[in-house]
Amino acid sequence: MTEIGLGGCRLKTDVELTENSPLKLKLQLPGSKPEVRVDAVVRTVENGSFGLCFSRFLGDEKKRLGQFLIQLLMTEAA
């Protein structure tokens, strides 16, 4: 994963994906268990890099991802 936000991410993989393909992701965040589970859809395909749009979070997983992103931004700003 090369980019991530609450709305989606960019993923590099050798797996061939096509636009509009549905995916189920498990994101293992550092220092966080269990993993964040999210449904996603492939929106863009560019030379082994895929833009994914998060379509559904289970339970409070969006909140957990948001808290991780805030911590990540705070760490980078320091």
N, C-alpha and C. Protein backbone atom coordinates (compact mmCIF):
# COMPACT_ATOMS: atom_id res chain seq x y z
N MET A 1 0.85 -1.16 0.00
CA MET A 1 0.00 0.00 0.00
C MET A 1 0.89 1.23 0.00
N THR A 2 0.63 2.14 -0.92
CA THR A 2 1.49 3.32 -1.04
C THR A 2 0.81 4.59 -0.56
N GLU A 3 -0.50 4.61 -0.51
CA GLU A 3 -1.26 5.76 -0.03
C GLU A 3 -2.48 5.22 0.69
N ILE A 4 -2.95 5.96 1.71
CA ILE A 4 -4.17 5.54 2.39
C ILE A 4 -4.87 6.75 2.99
N GLY A 5 -6.17 6.70 2.98
CA GLY A 5 -7.02 7.72 3.59
C GLY A 5 -8.32 7.05 4.00
N LEU A 6 -9.23 7.80 4.58
CA LEU A 6 -10.51 7.21 4.99
C LEU A 6 -11.36 6.77 3.81
N GLY A 7 -11.14 7.36 2.64
CA GLY A 7 -11.96 7.02 1.48
C GLY A 7 -11.40 5.92 0.60
N GLY A 8 -10.11 5.58 0.80
CA GLY A 8 -9.54 4.54 -0.05
C GLY A 8 -8.03 4.50 0.06
N CYS A 9 -7.42 3.80 -0.89
CA CYS A 9 -5.97 3.65 -0.85
C CYS A 9 -5.44 3.34 -2.25
N ARG A 10 -4.14 3.36 -2.38
CA ARG A 10 -3.47 2.94 -3.60
C ARG A 10 -2.65 1.72 -3.23
N LEU A 11 -2.75 0.70 -4.06
CA LEU A 11 -2.15 -0.59 -3.78
C LEU A 11 -1.31 -1.03 -4.98
N LYS A 12 -0.11 -1.54 -4.71
CA LYS A 12 0.72 -2.12 -5.76
C LYS A 12 0.74 -3.62 -5.53
N THR A 13 0.49 -4.38 -6.59
CA THR A 13 0.48 -5.84 -6.48
C THR A 13 0.71 -6.46 -7.85
N ASP A 14 1.19 -7.68 -7.84
CA ASP A 14 1.34 -8.44 -9.08
C ASP A 14 0.04 -9.12 -9.48
N VAL A 15 -0.93 -9.13 -8.58
CA VAL A 15 -2.23 -9.73 -8.86
C VAL A 15 -2.95 -8.86 -9.89
N GLU A 16 -3.52 -9.47 -10.89
CA GLU A 16 -4.25 -8.70 -11.91
C GLU A 16 -5.65 -8.38 -11.43
N LEU A 17 -5.94 -7.09 -11.35
CA LEU A 17 -7.27 -6.63 -10.95
C LEU A 17 -7.84 -5.78 -12.08
N THR A 18 -9.15 -5.71 -12.15
CA THR A 18 -9.80 -4.88 -13.16
C THR A 18 -10.68 -3.85 -12.48
N GLU A 19 -10.96 -2.77 -13.19
CA GLU A 19 -11.83 -1.73 -12.64
C GLU A 19 -13.17 -2.33 -12.24
N ASN A 20 -13.72 -1.82 -11.15
CA ASN A 20 -15.00 -2.23 -10.56
C ASN A 20 -14.96 -3.60 -9.89
N SER A 21 -13.78 -4.21 -9.77
CA SER A 21 -13.68 -5.48 -9.04
C SER A 21 -13.89 -5.23 -7.56
N PRO A 22 -14.75 -6.01 -6.91
CA PRO A 22 -14.92 -5.87 -5.46
C PRO A 22 -13.83 -6.62 -4.72
N LEU A 23 -13.39 -6.06 -3.58
CA LEU A 23 -12.37 -6.68 -2.76
C LEU A 23 -12.78 -6.63 -1.30
N LYS A 24 -12.33 -7.59 -0.53
CA LYS A 24 -12.45 -7.56 0.92
C LYS A 24 -11.04 -7.47 1.47
N LEU A 25 -10.77 -6.41 2.20
CA LEU A 25 -9.42 -6.17 2.72
C LEU A 25 -9.37 -6.36 4.22
N LYS A 26 -8.23 -6.81 4.69
CA LYS A 26 -7.92 -6.85 6.11
C LYS A 26 -6.64 -6.04 6.27
N LEU A 27 -6.75 -4.89 6.92
CA LEU A 27 -5.61 -3.99 7.10
C LEU A 27 -5.03 -4.20 8.49
N GLN A 28 -3.80 -4.67 8.55
CA GLN A 28 -3.14 -4.85 9.83
C GLN A 28 -2.41 -3.56 10.17
N LEU A 29 -2.98 -2.79 11.07
CA LEU A 29 -2.38 -1.52 11.47
C LEU A 29 -1.34 -1.77 12.55
N PRO A 30 -0.21 -1.08 12.51
CA PRO A 30 0.82 -1.27 13.54
C PRO A 30 0.24 -1.02 14.93
N GLY A 31 0.49 -1.94 15.84
CA GLY A 31 0.04 -1.80 17.22
C GLY A 31 -1.45 -1.97 17.42
N SER A 32 -2.15 -2.52 16.43
CA SER A 32 -3.60 -2.65 16.52
C SER A 32 -4.03 -4.07 16.19
N LYS A 33 -4.82 -4.65 17.05
CA LYS A 33 -5.40 -5.97 16.79
C LYS A 33 -6.86 -5.89 17.19
N PRO A 34 -7.74 -6.51 16.51
CA PRO A 34 -7.55 -7.26 15.27
C PRO A 34 -7.40 -6.30 14.10
N GLU A 35 -7.24 -6.86 12.91
CA GLU A 35 -7.09 -6.04 11.71
C GLU A 35 -8.40 -5.29 11.42
N VAL A 36 -8.27 -4.20 10.65
CA VAL A 36 -9.43 -3.44 10.19
C VAL A 36 -9.95 -4.12 8.93
N ARG A 37 -11.23 -4.47 8.94
CA ARG A 37 -11.84 -5.13 7.77
C ARG A 37 -12.68 -4.11 7.01
N VAL A 38 -12.49 -4.10 5.70
CA VAL A 38 -13.20 -3.12 4.86
C VAL A 38 -13.46 -3.72 3.49
N ASP A 39 -14.61 -3.40 2.93
CA ASP A 39 -14.91 -3.75 1.55
C ASP A 39 -14.45 -2.61 0.66
N ALA A 40 -13.93 -2.94 -0.51
CA ALA A 40 -13.41 -1.92 -1.41
C ALA A 40 -13.76 -2.29 -2.85
N VAL A 41 -13.64 -1.29 -3.73
CA VAL A 41 -13.87 -1.48 -5.16
C VAL A 41 -12.69 -0.86 -5.90
N VAL A 42 -12.17 -1.57 -6.91
CA VAL A 42 -11.08 -1.05 -7.73
C VAL A 42 -11.64 0.06 -8.62
N ARG A 43 -11.07 1.25 -8.53
CA ARG A 43 -11.53 2.39 -9.34
C ARG A 43 -10.58 2.73 -10.47
N THR A 44 -9.27 2.57 -10.24
CA THR A 44 -8.30 2.88 -11.30
C THR A 44 -7.25 1.77 -11.38
N VAL A 45 -6.76 1.54 -12.59
CA VAL A 45 -5.72 0.54 -12.84
C VAL A 45 -4.63 1.22 -13.66
N GLU A 46 -3.37 1.22 -13.12
CA GLU A 46 -2.26 1.86 -13.81
C GLU A 46 -0.97 1.09 -13.56
N ASN A 47 -0.53 0.28 -14.50
CA ASN A 47 0.77 -0.40 -14.44
C ASN A 47 1.05 -1.08 -13.11
N GLY A 48 0.19 -1.96 -12.68
CA GLY A 48 0.40 -2.69 -11.43
C GLY A 48 0.05 -1.93 -10.18
N SER A 49 -0.51 -0.74 -10.34
CA SER A 49 -0.95 0.09 -9.21
C SER A 49 -2.46 0.27 -9.34
N PHE A 50 -3.15 0.12 -8.23
CA PHE A 50 -4.61 0.14 -8.25
C PHE A 50 -5.15 1.13 -7.24
N GLY A 51 -6.07 1.98 -7.67
CA GLY A 51 -6.75 2.90 -6.78
C GLY A 51 -8.01 2.23 -6.27
N LEU A 52 -8.12 2.09 -4.96
CA LEU A 52 -9.26 1.44 -4.35
C LEU A 52 -10.12 2.45 -3.60
N CYS A 53 -11.41 2.30 -3.71
CA CYS A 53 -12.37 3.12 -2.97
C CYS A 53 -12.99 2.23 -1.90
N PHE A 54 -12.89 2.66 -0.64
CA PHE A 54 -13.52 1.89 0.43
C PHE A 54 -15.03 2.06 0.32
N SER A 55 -15.75 0.96 0.29
CA SER A 55 -17.20 1.02 0.10
C SER A 55 -17.98 0.70 1.36
N ARG A 56 -17.38 -0.07 2.30
CA ARG A 56 -18.11 -0.41 3.52
C ARG A 56 -17.13 -0.86 4.59
N PHE A 57 -17.30 -0.29 5.77
CA PHE A 57 -16.54 -0.69 6.94
C PHE A 57 -17.45 -1.51 7.84
N LEU A 58 -16.89 -2.45 8.56
CA LEU A 58 -17.66 -3.24 9.50
C LEU A 58 -17.51 -2.66 10.90
N GLY A 59 -18.61 -2.51 11.61
CA GLY A 59 -18.57 -2.02 12.99
C GLY A 59 -17.91 -0.67 13.11
N ASP A 60 -16.99 -0.55 14.08
CA ASP A 60 -16.31 0.73 14.34
C ASP A 60 -14.96 0.82 13.60
N GLU A 61 -14.82 0.04 12.56
CA GLU A 61 -13.52 -0.04 11.88
C GLU A 61 -13.11 1.27 11.20
N LYS A 62 -14.07 2.04 10.72
CA LYS A 62 -13.73 3.34 10.11
C LYS A 62 -13.15 4.26 11.17
N LYS A 63 -13.69 4.23 12.37
CA LYS A 63 -13.18 5.04 13.47
C LYS A 63 -11.75 4.61 13.82
N ARG A 64 -11.51 3.32 13.87
CA ARG A 64 -10.17 2.82 14.18
C ARG A 64 -9.16 3.24 13.12
N LEU A 65 -9.55 3.17 11.84
CA LEU A 65 -8.66 3.60 10.77
C LEU A 65 -8.40 5.10 10.88
N GLY A 66 -9.43 5.87 11.17
CA GLY A 66 -9.28 7.31 11.33
C GLY A 66 -8.32 7.66 12.46
N GLN A 67 -8.40 6.96 13.57
CA GLN A 67 -7.50 7.20 14.69
C GLN A 67 -6.06 6.88 14.30
N PHE A 68 -5.86 5.81 13.56
CA PHE A 68 -4.52 5.46 13.09
C PHE A 68 -3.97 6.55 12.17
N LEU A 69 -4.80 7.05 11.24
CA LEU A 69 -4.36 8.08 10.30
C LEU A 69 -3.99 9.37 11.02
N ILE A 70 -4.75 9.74 12.04
CA ILE A 70 -4.43 10.93 12.83
C ILE A 70 -3.08 10.76 13.52
N GLN A 71 -2.85 9.59 14.12
CA GLN A 71 -1.56 9.32 14.77
C GLN A 71 -0.41 9.37 13.76
N LEU A 72 -0.64 8.82 12.57
CA LEU A 72 0.37 8.83 11.53
C LEU A 72 0.71 10.26 11.11
N LEU A 73 -0.30 11.09 10.91
CA LEU A 73 -0.07 12.49 10.54
C LEU A 73 0.67 13.25 11.63
N MET A 74 0.30 12.99 12.87
CA MET A 74 0.96 13.68 14.00
C MET A 74 2.43 13.27 14.08
N THR A 75 2.72 12.00 13.83
CA THR A 75 4.10 11.52 13.86
C THR A 75 4.92 12.15 12.75
N GLU A 76 4.34 12.23 11.55
CA GLU A 76 5.05 12.82 10.43
C GLU A 76 5.28 14.31 10.60
N ALA A 77 4.37 15.00 11.30
CA ALA A 77 4.48 16.44 11.50
C ALA A 77 5.54 16.78 12.55
N ALA A 78 5.85 15.83 13.41
CA ALA A 78 6.79 16.10 14.51
C ALA A 78 8.23 16.11 14.05
